[in-house]
Amino acid sequence: MFTCKLICTDIDGTLLHPDGTITERTKKAIAEARRKDIIVALVSGRLSLSLKTIQKELLITGPLGCFNGSLILDESGAEIEAHPLDLSIYEKVLSFLSGCAVEHSVFTNDRWFMREKNAWYEVEVQTSHIEGNVYELERLPEILQPNERIFKVLVMDEKANIVGALQEELEKQFGQSLNIFRSSARYIEILARGVDKGHAVRSLCKTYSIEREHVMAVGDYYNDIGMLKEAGYAVAMGNAPHLVKEHAHFVARSNTENGLALVIESIL
């Protein structure tokens, strides 16, 4: 029988309903897991302040895997591991993107930046509940605070074919130095090389002395595959693409059907 000591859950498409809310059943299931001393870690592409907002709604504390495993924090907010972007490579990426007709934003430890306020800016504010900063992205390294580092470049476009073609070109240009992947049909995420959500699982297991066979990971998209591979019990949401489901031990119901709540209830 599976004994769970750590739940690593994705946020968008997994924990959250499509309208961005958390169902009461999901809140109750997570609260019950915590009462049984199961660590609940939110592992997402989001920045830490956004994840902390979700923790407050869930009335929990716990570690965080931010930026798809690039920044890992313990329950007190202290860094366990950090893998920021190399600034010289960041400058090359920004130079490349400046010649492309796509929007992009940049994320540091606790802040995010865009060149201007537009529809994509408003989408990020609505999603993360964190107000952004308007600044010239090429000059961003000049204004970083002490210990503030750049962790992610996010590229976005409404047309999936444009996003796909740009991902291929980015991989040709920077694939040897960076981790470049789709986090949805509209988004490309650019992180330090060799880092993904699986890295977060391994790091949390080491920090909290938990064997991987006691980890349940739940996700819904391609960027969750690394996390699913590292878990003793890998769960794909019913709304996940087929390839993601192939990496799961179990396929839950979708995020419109309390899929995360049901799978947590099943292991308690």
C-alpha atoms as a PDB file:
ATOM      1  CA  MET A   1       0.000   0.000   0.000  1.00  0.00           C
ATOM      2  CA  PHE A   2       1.293   3.469  -0.898  1.00  0.00           C
ATOM      3  CA  THR A   3       2.380   5.527   2.109  1.00  0.00           C
ATOM      4  CA  CYS A   4       2.526   9.223   1.280  1.00  0.00           C
ATOM      5  CA  LYS A   5       4.858  11.630   3.067  1.00  0.00           C
ATOM      6  CA  LEU A   6       5.103  14.358   0.405  1.00  0.00           C
ATOM      7  CA  ILE A   7       2.576  15.634  -2.140  1.00  0.00           C
ATOM      8  CA  CYS A   8       4.014  17.745  -4.958  1.00  0.00           C
ATOM      9  CA  THR A   9       1.225  19.389  -6.900  1.00  0.00           C
ATOM     10  CA  ASP A  10       1.144  21.590  -9.937  1.00  0.00           C
ATOM     11  CA  ILE A  11      -1.126  24.650  -9.810  1.00  0.00           C
ATOM     12  CA  ASP A  12      -2.678  25.684 -13.127  1.00  0.00           C
ATOM     13  CA  GLY A  13      -4.743  22.881 -14.634  1.00  0.00           C
ATOM     14  CA  THR A  14      -4.283  20.771 -11.490  1.00  0.00           C
ATOM     15  CA  LEU A  15      -4.950  22.485  -8.165  1.00  0.00           C
ATOM     16  CA  LEU A  16      -6.974  25.268  -9.744  1.00  0.00           C
ATOM     17  CA  HIS A  17     -10.337  25.035 -11.461  1.00  0.00           C
ATOM     18  CA  PRO A  18     -10.228  26.581 -14.978  1.00  0.00           C
ATOM     19  CA  ASP A  19     -11.742  29.781 -13.553  1.00  0.00           C
ATOM     20  CA  GLY A  20      -8.750  30.127 -11.219  1.00  0.00           C
ATOM     21  CA  THR A  21     -10.557  29.100  -8.033  1.00  0.00           C
ATOM     22  CA  ILE A  22      -9.874  26.267  -5.596  1.00  0.00           C
ATOM     23  CA  THR A  23     -12.851  24.063  -4.785  1.00  0.00           C
ATOM     24  CA  GLU A  24     -13.875  23.517  -1.182  1.00  0.00           C
ATOM     25  CA  ARG A  25     -13.389  19.781  -1.601  1.00  0.00           C
ATOM     26  CA  THR A  26      -9.786  20.357  -2.681  1.00  0.00           C
ATOM     27  CA  LYS A  27      -9.165  22.635   0.291  1.00  0.00           C
ATOM     28  CA  LYS A  28     -10.566  20.016   2.663  1.00  0.00           C
ATOM     29  CA  ALA A  29      -8.494  17.207   1.131  1.00  0.00           C
ATOM     30  CA  ILE A  30      -5.276  19.208   1.427  1.00  0.00           C
ATOM     31  CA  ALA A  31      -6.130  20.214   5.004  1.00  0.00           C
ATOM     32  CA  GLU A  32      -6.668  16.550   5.888  1.00  0.00           C
ATOM     33  CA  ALA A  33      -3.322  15.619   4.313  1.00  0.00           C
ATOM     34  CA  ARG A  34      -1.592  18.222   6.461  1.00  0.00           C
ATOM     35  CA  ARG A  35      -3.373  16.938   9.571  1.00  0.00           C
ATOM     36  CA  LYS A  36      -1.821  13.556   8.799  1.00  0.00           C
ATOM     37  CA  ASP A  37       1.623  15.235   8.666  1.00  0.00           C
ATOM     38  CA  ILE A  38       1.953  14.900   4.897  1.00  0.00           C
ATOM     39  CA  ILE A  39       4.028  17.740   3.458  1.00  0.00           C
ATOM     40  CA  VAL A  40       2.215  19.558   0.660  1.00  0.00           C
ATOM     41  CA  ALA A  41       4.549  21.354  -1.765  1.00  0.00           C
ATOM     42  CA  LEU A  42       3.276  23.650  -4.500  1.00  0.00           C
ATOM     43  CA  VAL A  43       5.495  23.121  -7.567  1.00  0.00           C
ATOM     44  CA  SER A  44       4.806  25.516 -10.403  1.00  0.00           C
ATOM     45  CA  GLY A  45       6.184  27.897 -12.989  1.00  0.00           C
ATOM     46  CA  ARG A  46       4.942  30.754 -10.821  1.00  0.00           C
ATOM     47  CA  LEU A  47       6.975  33.083  -8.644  1.00  0.00           C
ATOM     48  CA  SER A  48       7.050  32.580  -4.881  1.00  0.00           C
ATOM     49  CA  LEU A  49       4.707  35.460  -3.946  1.00  0.00           C
ATOM     50  CA  SER A  50       1.991  34.023  -6.151  1.00  0.00           C
ATOM     51  CA  LEU A  51       2.414  30.574  -4.588  1.00  0.00           C
ATOM     52  CA  LYS A  52       2.379  32.044  -1.086  1.00  0.00           C
ATOM     53  CA  THR A  53      -0.957  33.677  -1.916  1.00  0.00           C
ATOM     54  CA  ILE A  54      -2.330  30.239  -2.781  1.00  0.00           C
ATOM     55  CA  GLN A  55      -0.884  28.789   0.423  1.00  0.00           C
ATOM     56  CA  LYS A  56      -2.753  31.443   2.410  1.00  0.00           C
ATOM     57  CA  GLU A  57      -6.013  30.508   0.711  1.00  0.00           C
ATOM     58  CA  LEU A  58      -5.360  26.850   1.522  1.00  0.00           C
ATOM     59  CA  LEU A  59      -4.417  27.777   5.115  1.00  0.00           C
ATOM     60  CA  ILE A  60      -1.191  25.789   4.871  1.00  0.00           C
ATOM     61  CA  THR A  61       2.543  26.274   5.048  1.00  0.00           C
ATOM     62  CA  GLY A  62       5.113  24.175   3.250  1.00  0.00           C
ATOM     63  CA  PRO A  63       7.975  24.215   0.768  1.00  0.00           C
ATOM     64  CA  LEU A  64       7.681  25.728  -2.700  1.00  0.00           C
ATOM     65  CA  GLY A  65       9.108  24.767  -6.071  1.00  0.00           C
ATOM     66  CA  CYS A  66       9.088  28.035  -8.013  1.00  0.00           C
ATOM     67  CA  PHE A  67       9.832  28.616 -11.687  1.00  0.00           C
ATOM     68  CA  ASN A  68       9.510  24.904 -12.488  1.00  0.00           C
ATOM     69  CA  GLY A  69      12.176  23.926  -9.975  1.00  0.00           C
ATOM     70  CA  SER A  70      14.639  26.782 -10.537  1.00  0.00           C
ATOM     71  CA  LEU A  71      14.059  28.217  -7.063  1.00  0.00           C
ATOM     72  CA  ILE A  72      13.208  25.920  -4.172  1.00  0.00           C
ATOM     73  CA  LEU A  73      12.191  27.327  -0.795  1.00  0.00           C
ATOM     74  CA  ASP A  74      11.519  25.656   2.542  1.00  0.00           C
ATOM     75  CA  GLU A  75       8.444  26.338   4.663  1.00  0.00           C
ATOM     76  CA  SER A  76      10.093  29.418   6.200  1.00  0.00           C
ATOM     77  CA  GLY A  77      10.927  30.913   2.800  1.00  0.00           C
ATOM     78  CA  ALA A  78      14.648  30.147   3.036  1.00  0.00           C
ATOM     79  CA  GLU A  79      16.361  29.000  -0.157  1.00  0.00           C
ATOM     80  CA  ILE A  80      17.072  25.307  -0.485  1.00  0.00           C
ATOM     81  CA  GLU A  81      18.421  25.636  -4.014  1.00  0.00           C
ATOM     82  CA  ALA A  82      18.562  28.398  -6.608  1.00  0.00           C
ATOM     83  CA  HIS A  83      19.406  28.137 -10.309  1.00  0.00           C
ATOM     84  CA  PRO A  84      19.180  31.610 -11.858  1.00  0.00           C
ATOM     85  CA  LEU A  85      19.895  32.440 -15.465  1.00  0.00           C
ATOM     86  CA  ASP A  86      23.429  33.402 -16.406  1.00  0.00           C
ATOM     87  CA  LEU A  87      23.294  37.127 -17.189  1.00  0.00           C
ATOM     88  CA  SER A  88      25.426  36.869 -20.313  1.00  0.00           C
ATOM     89  CA  ILE A  89      23.056  34.257 -21.767  1.00  0.00           C
ATOM     90  CA  TYR A  90      20.058  36.303 -20.610  1.00  0.00           C
ATOM     91  CA  GLU A  91      21.329  39.257 -22.643  1.00  0.00           C
ATOM     92  CA  LYS A  92      21.643  37.083 -25.748  1.00  0.00           C
ATOM     93  CA  VAL A  93      18.109  35.722 -25.302  1.00  0.00           C
ATOM     94  CA  LEU A  94      16.683  39.225 -24.909  1.00  0.00           C
ATOM     95  CA  SER A  95      18.546  40.366 -28.017  1.00  0.00           C
ATOM     96  CA  PHE A  96      17.083  37.460 -29.976  1.00  0.00           C
ATOM     97  CA  LEU A  97      13.541  38.051 -28.704  1.00  0.00           C
ATOM     98  CA  SER A  98      13.684  41.755 -29.509  1.00  0.00           C
ATOM     99  CA  GLY A  99      13.634  40.767 -33.177  1.00  0.00           C
ATOM    100  CA  CYS A 100      10.573  38.547 -32.787  1.00  0.00           C
ATOM    101  CA  ALA A 101       6.968  39.724 -32.886  1.00  0.00           C
ATOM    102  CA  VAL A 102       6.033  38.046 -29.586  1.00  0.00           C
ATOM    103  CA  GLU A 103       5.515  39.301 -26.074  1.00  0.00           C
ATOM    104  CA  HIS A 104       7.839  38.278 -23.270  1.00  0.00           C
ATOM    105  CA  SER A 105       8.268  38.923 -19.567  1.00  0.00           C
ATOM    106  CA  VAL A 106      11.033  38.340 -17.044  1.00  0.00           C
ATOM    107  CA  PHE A 107      10.821  36.959 -13.503  1.00  0.00           C
ATOM    108  CA  THR A 108      13.188  37.481 -10.573  1.00  0.00           C
ATOM    109  CA  ASN A 109      12.922  36.057  -7.058  1.00  0.00           C
ATOM    110  CA  ASP A 110       9.840  38.081  -6.112  1.00  0.00           C
ATOM    111  CA  ARG A 111       9.146  40.433  -9.025  1.00  0.00           C
ATOM    112  CA  TRP A 112       8.163  40.257 -12.659  1.00  0.00           C
ATOM    113  CA  PHE A 113       8.707  42.729 -15.503  1.00  0.00           C
ATOM    114  CA  MET A 114       7.326  43.607 -18.930  1.00  0.00           C
ATOM    115  CA  ARG A 115       8.181  46.358 -21.380  1.00  0.00           C
ATOM    116  CA  GLU A 116       4.691  47.863 -21.197  1.00  0.00           C
ATOM    117  CA  LYS A 117       1.239  47.314 -19.775  1.00  0.00           C
ATOM    118  CA  ASN A 118      -0.877  45.480 -22.319  1.00  0.00           C
ATOM    119  CA  ALA A 119      -3.339  42.578 -22.497  1.00  0.00           C
ATOM    120  CA  TRP A 120      -0.634  40.028 -21.624  1.00  0.00           C
ATOM    121  CA  TYR A 121       0.370  42.120 -18.628  1.00  0.00           C
ATOM    122  CA  GLU A 122      -3.218  42.035 -17.382  1.00  0.00           C
ATOM    123  CA  VAL A 123      -3.405  38.260 -17.896  1.00  0.00           C
ATOM    124  CA  GLU A 124      -0.352  37.788 -15.669  1.00  0.00           C
ATOM    125  CA  VAL A 125      -1.757  40.067 -12.967  1.00  0.00           C
ATOM    126  CA  GLN A 126      -5.060  38.196 -13.042  1.00  0.00           C
ATOM    127  CA  THR A 127      -3.265  34.837 -12.906  1.00  0.00           C
ATOM    128  CA  SER A 128      -0.614  35.552 -10.282  1.00  0.00           C
ATOM    129  CA  HIS A 129      -2.400  38.290  -8.310  1.00  0.00           C
ATOM    130  CA  ILE A 130       0.949  40.105  -8.276  1.00  0.00           C
ATOM    131  CA  GLU A 131       1.323  43.517  -9.893  1.00  0.00           C
ATOM    132  CA  GLY A 132       4.195  43.682 -12.376  1.00  0.00           C
ATOM    133  CA  ASN A 133       6.840  46.282 -13.156  1.00  0.00           C
ATOM    134  CA  VAL A 134       7.301  48.120 -16.454  1.00  0.00           C
ATOM    135  CA  TYR A 135      10.951  48.394 -17.406  1.00  0.00           C
ATOM    136  CA  GLU A 136      13.383  48.023 -20.295  1.00  0.00           C
ATOM    137  CA  LEU A 137      14.170  44.320 -20.018  1.00  0.00           C
ATOM    138  CA  GLU A 138      17.675  44.574 -21.473  1.00  0.00           C
ATOM    139  CA  ARG A 139      18.638  46.907 -18.620  1.00  0.00           C
ATOM    140  CA  LEU A 140      17.047  44.812 -15.887  1.00  0.00           C
ATOM    141  CA  PRO A 141      20.380  43.549 -14.443  1.00  0.00           C
ATOM    142  CA  GLU A 142      21.227  47.180 -13.612  1.00  0.00           C
ATOM    143  CA  ILE A 143      18.395  47.532 -11.075  1.00  0.00           C
ATOM    144  CA  LEU A 144      18.445  44.154  -9.345  1.00  0.00           C
ATOM    145  CA  GLN A 145      18.461  44.316  -5.553  1.00  0.00           C
ATOM    146  CA  PRO A 146      21.093  42.455  -3.501  1.00  0.00           C
ATOM    147  CA  ASN A 147      20.453  38.709  -3.844  1.00  0.00           C
ATOM    148  CA  GLU A 148      17.800  39.343  -6.515  1.00  0.00           C
ATOM    149  CA  ARG A 149      18.410  37.195  -9.588  1.00  0.00           C
ATOM    150  CA  ILE A 150      16.686  36.482 -12.891  1.00  0.00           C
ATOM    151  CA  PHE A 151      15.130  33.028 -12.974  1.00  0.00           C
ATOM    152  CA  LYS A 152      12.778  32.913 -15.930  1.00  0.00           C
ATOM    153  CA  VAL A 153      11.937  34.445 -19.276  1.00  0.00           C
ATOM    154  CA  LEU A 154       8.364  33.807 -20.376  1.00  0.00           C
ATOM    155  CA  VAL A 155       7.431  34.099 -24.050  1.00  0.00           C
ATOM    156  CA  MET A 156       3.808  34.244 -25.142  1.00  0.00           C
ATOM    157  CA  ASP A 157       1.623  34.442 -28.228  1.00  0.00           C
ATOM    158  CA  GLU A 158      -2.006  33.599 -28.953  1.00  0.00           C
ATOM    159  CA  LYS A 159      -1.119  31.465 -31.990  1.00  0.00           C
ATOM    160  CA  ALA A 160       0.113  27.995 -31.073  1.00  0.00           C
ATOM    161  CA  ASN A 161       1.861  27.528 -34.430  1.00  0.00           C
ATOM    162  CA  ILE A 162       3.940  30.658 -33.842  1.00  0.00           C
ATOM    163  CA  VAL A 163       4.820  29.484 -30.338  1.00  0.00           C
ATOM    164  CA  GLY A 164       5.837  26.065 -31.662  1.00  0.00           C
ATOM    165  CA  ALA A 165       8.044  27.487 -34.415  1.00  0.00           C
ATOM    166  CA  LEU A 166       9.682  29.919 -32.016  1.00  0.00           C
ATOM    167  CA  GLN A 167      10.368  27.166 -29.508  1.00  0.00           C
ATOM    168  CA  GLU A 168      12.229  25.210 -32.190  1.00  0.00           C
ATOM    169  CA  GLU A 169      14.303  28.259 -33.112  1.00  0.00           C
ATOM    170  CA  LEU A 170      15.097  29.042 -29.489  1.00  0.00           C
ATOM    171  CA  GLU A 171      16.238  25.458 -28.952  1.00  0.00           C
ATOM    172  CA  LYS A 172      18.529  25.705 -31.980  1.00  0.00           C
ATOM    173  CA  GLN A 173      20.042  28.935 -30.707  1.00  0.00           C
ATOM    174  CA  PHE A 174      20.183  28.285 -26.963  1.00  0.00           C
ATOM    175  CA  GLY A 175      19.348  24.635 -26.311  1.00  0.00           C
ATOM    176  CA  GLN A 176      22.884  23.844 -25.161  1.00  0.00           C
ATOM    177  CA  SER A 177      22.733  26.525 -22.477  1.00  0.00           C
ATOM    178  CA  LEU A 178      19.099  26.732 -21.409  1.00  0.00           C
ATOM    179  CA  ASN A 179      16.006  24.645 -20.664  1.00  0.00           C
ATOM    180  CA  ILE A 180      13.334  25.728 -23.167  1.00  0.00           C
ATOM    181  CA  PHE A 181       9.867  24.183 -23.122  1.00  0.00           C
ATOM    182  CA  ARG A 182       6.153  24.787 -23.586  1.00  0.00           C
ATOM    183  CA  SER A 183       4.105  25.209 -20.410  1.00  0.00           C
ATOM    184  CA  SER A 184       0.882  25.623 -22.405  1.00  0.00           C
ATOM    185  CA  ALA A 185      -0.126  26.074 -26.026  1.00  0.00           C
ATOM    186  CA  ARG A 186       0.536  29.812 -25.687  1.00  0.00           C
ATOM    187  CA  TYR A 187       3.646  29.922 -23.500  1.00  0.00           C
ATOM    188  CA  ILE A 188       7.354  29.127 -23.762  1.00  0.00           C
ATOM    189  CA  GLU A 189       9.405  29.094 -20.572  1.00  0.00           C
ATOM    190  CA  ILE A 190      13.158  29.673 -20.556  1.00  0.00           C
ATOM    191  CA  LEU A 191      15.126  28.488 -17.510  1.00  0.00           C
ATOM    192  CA  ALA A 192      18.628  27.494 -16.521  1.00  0.00           C
ATOM    193  CA  ARG A 193      19.890  24.356 -18.224  1.00  0.00           C
ATOM    194  CA  GLY A 194      19.140  21.012 -16.549  1.00  0.00           C
ATOM    195  CA  VAL A 195      16.393  22.294 -14.251  1.00  0.00           C
ATOM    196  CA  ASP A 196      12.798  21.081 -14.243  1.00  0.00           C
ATOM    197  CA  LYS A 197      10.106  20.110 -11.743  1.00  0.00           C
ATOM    198  CA  GLY A 198      11.806  16.763 -11.213  1.00  0.00           C
ATOM    199  CA  HIS A 199      14.729  18.675  -9.791  1.00  0.00           C
ATOM    200  CA  ALA A 200      12.368  20.169  -7.202  1.00  0.00           C
ATOM    201  CA  VAL A 201      11.159  16.711  -6.149  1.00  0.00           C
ATOM    202  CA  ARG A 202      14.695  15.405  -5.720  1.00  0.00           C
ATOM    203  CA  SER A 203      15.724  18.471  -3.749  1.00  0.00           C
ATOM    204  CA  LEU A 204      12.722  18.288  -1.419  1.00  0.00           C
ATOM    205  CA  CYS A 205      13.265  14.569  -0.818  1.00  0.00           C
ATOM    206  CA  LYS A 206      16.876  15.252   0.164  1.00  0.00           C
ATOM    207  CA  THR A 207      15.976  18.202   2.391  1.00  0.00           C
ATOM    208  CA  TYR A 208      13.174  16.443   4.245  1.00  0.00           C
ATOM    209  CA  SER A 209      14.752  12.942   4.223  1.00  0.00           C
ATOM    210  CA  ILE A 210      11.914  11.381   2.250  1.00  0.00           C
ATOM    211  CA  GLU A 211      12.368   8.437  -0.109  1.00  0.00           C
ATOM    212  CA  ARG A 212      10.918   8.938  -3.575  1.00  0.00           C
ATOM    213  CA  GLU A 213       8.572   5.969  -3.136  1.00  0.00           C
ATOM    214  CA  HIS A 214       6.715   8.064  -0.546  1.00  0.00           C
ATOM    215  CA  VAL A 215       6.142  10.983  -2.931  1.00  0.00           C
ATOM    216  CA  MET A 216       2.941  11.617  -4.865  1.00  0.00           C
ATOM    217  CA  ALA A 217       3.264  14.088  -7.746  1.00  0.00           C
ATOM    218  CA  VAL A 218       0.247  15.453  -9.611  1.00  0.00           C
ATOM    219  CA  GLY A 219       0.327  17.451 -12.848  1.00  0.00           C
ATOM    220  CA  ASP A 220      -1.397  18.139 -16.128  1.00  0.00           C
ATOM    221  CA  TYR A 221       1.118  19.340 -18.738  1.00  0.00           C
ATOM    222  CA  TYR A 222       4.421  18.545 -20.418  1.00  0.00           C
ATOM    223  CA  ASN A 223       6.448  20.572 -17.919  1.00  0.00           C
ATOM    224  CA  ASP A 224       5.140  18.230 -15.197  1.00  0.00           C
ATOM    225  CA  ILE A 225       6.681  15.104 -16.738  1.00  0.00           C
ATOM    226  CA  GLY A 226       9.993  15.546 -14.917  1.00  0.00           C
ATOM    227  CA  MET A 227       8.125  15.682 -11.621  1.00  0.00           C
ATOM    228  CA  LEU A 228       6.033  12.628 -12.464  1.00  0.00           C
ATOM    229  CA  LYS A 229       9.165  10.640 -13.304  1.00  0.00           C
ATOM    230  CA  GLU A 230      10.639  11.302  -9.866  1.00  0.00           C
ATOM    231  CA  ALA A 231       7.577  10.314  -7.831  1.00  0.00           C
ATOM    232  CA  GLY A 232       6.760   6.958  -6.354  1.00  0.00           C
ATOM    233  CA  TYR A 233       3.141   7.602  -7.269  1.00  0.00           C
ATOM    234  CA  ALA A 234       2.718   9.741 -10.387  1.00  0.00           C
ATOM    235  CA  VAL A 235      -0.744  11.118 -11.137  1.00  0.00           C
ATOM    236  CA  ALA A 236      -1.796  12.849 -14.340  1.00  0.00           C
ATOM    237  CA  MET A 237      -4.955  14.889 -14.404  1.00  0.00           C
ATOM    238  CA  GLY A 238      -7.768  13.821 -16.685  1.00  0.00           C
ATOM    239  CA  ASN A 239      -7.305  17.049 -18.649  1.00  0.00           C
ATOM    240  CA  ALA A 240      -3.638  16.239 -19.355  1.00  0.00           C
ATOM    241  CA  PRO A 241      -2.376  15.454 -22.889  1.00  0.00           C
ATOM    242  CA  HIS A 242      -1.926  11.773 -23.722  1.00  0.00           C
ATOM    243  CA  LEU A 243       1.880  11.964 -23.537  1.00  0.00           C
ATOM    244  CA  VAL A 244       1.703  13.226 -19.950  1.00  0.00           C
ATOM    245  CA  LYS A 245      -0.675  10.434 -19.013  1.00  0.00           C
ATOM    246  CA  GLU A 246       1.849   7.912 -20.336  1.00  0.00           C
ATOM    247  CA  HIS A 247       4.208   8.915 -17.511  1.00  0.00           C
ATOM    248  CA  ALA A 248       1.599   8.418 -14.779  1.00  0.00           C
ATOM    249  CA  HIS A 249       0.741   5.466 -12.567  1.00  0.00           C
ATOM    250  CA  PHE A 250      -2.803   6.767 -12.326  1.00  0.00           C
ATOM    251  CA  VAL A 251      -5.009   9.184 -14.268  1.00  0.00           C
ATOM    252  CA  ALA A 252      -7.268  11.277 -12.055  1.00  0.00           C
ATOM    253  CA  ARG A 253     -10.405  13.082 -13.063  1.00  0.00           C
ATOM    254  CA  SER A 254     -10.003  16.521 -14.614  1.00  0.00           C
ATOM    255  CA  ASN A 255      -9.591  19.791 -12.742  1.00  0.00           C
ATOM    256  CA  THR A 256     -13.264  20.502 -13.434  1.00  0.00           C
ATOM    257  CA  GLU A 257     -14.189  17.312 -11.533  1.00  0.00           C
ATOM    258  CA  ASN A 258     -12.183  17.706  -8.302  1.00  0.00           C
ATOM    259  CA  GLY A 259      -9.497  15.404  -9.677  1.00  0.00           C
ATOM    260  CA  LEU A 260      -6.801  16.506  -7.228  1.00  0.00           C
ATOM    261  CA  ALA A 261      -9.138  16.265  -4.230  1.00  0.00           C
ATOM    262  CA  LEU A 262     -10.258  12.769  -5.209  1.00  0.00           C
ATOM    263  CA  VAL A 263      -6.733  11.434  -5.607  1.00  0.00           C
ATOM    264  CA  ILE A 264      -5.613  12.928  -2.283  1.00  0.00           C
ATOM    265  CA  GLU A 265      -8.642  11.407  -0.568  1.00  0.00           C
ATOM    266  CA  SER A 266      -7.763   8.032  -2.078  1.00  0.00           C
ATOM    267  CA  ILE A 267      -4.323   7.904  -0.400  1.00  0.00           C
ATOM    268  CA  LEU A 268      -5.328   9.213   3.032  1.00  0.00           C
END
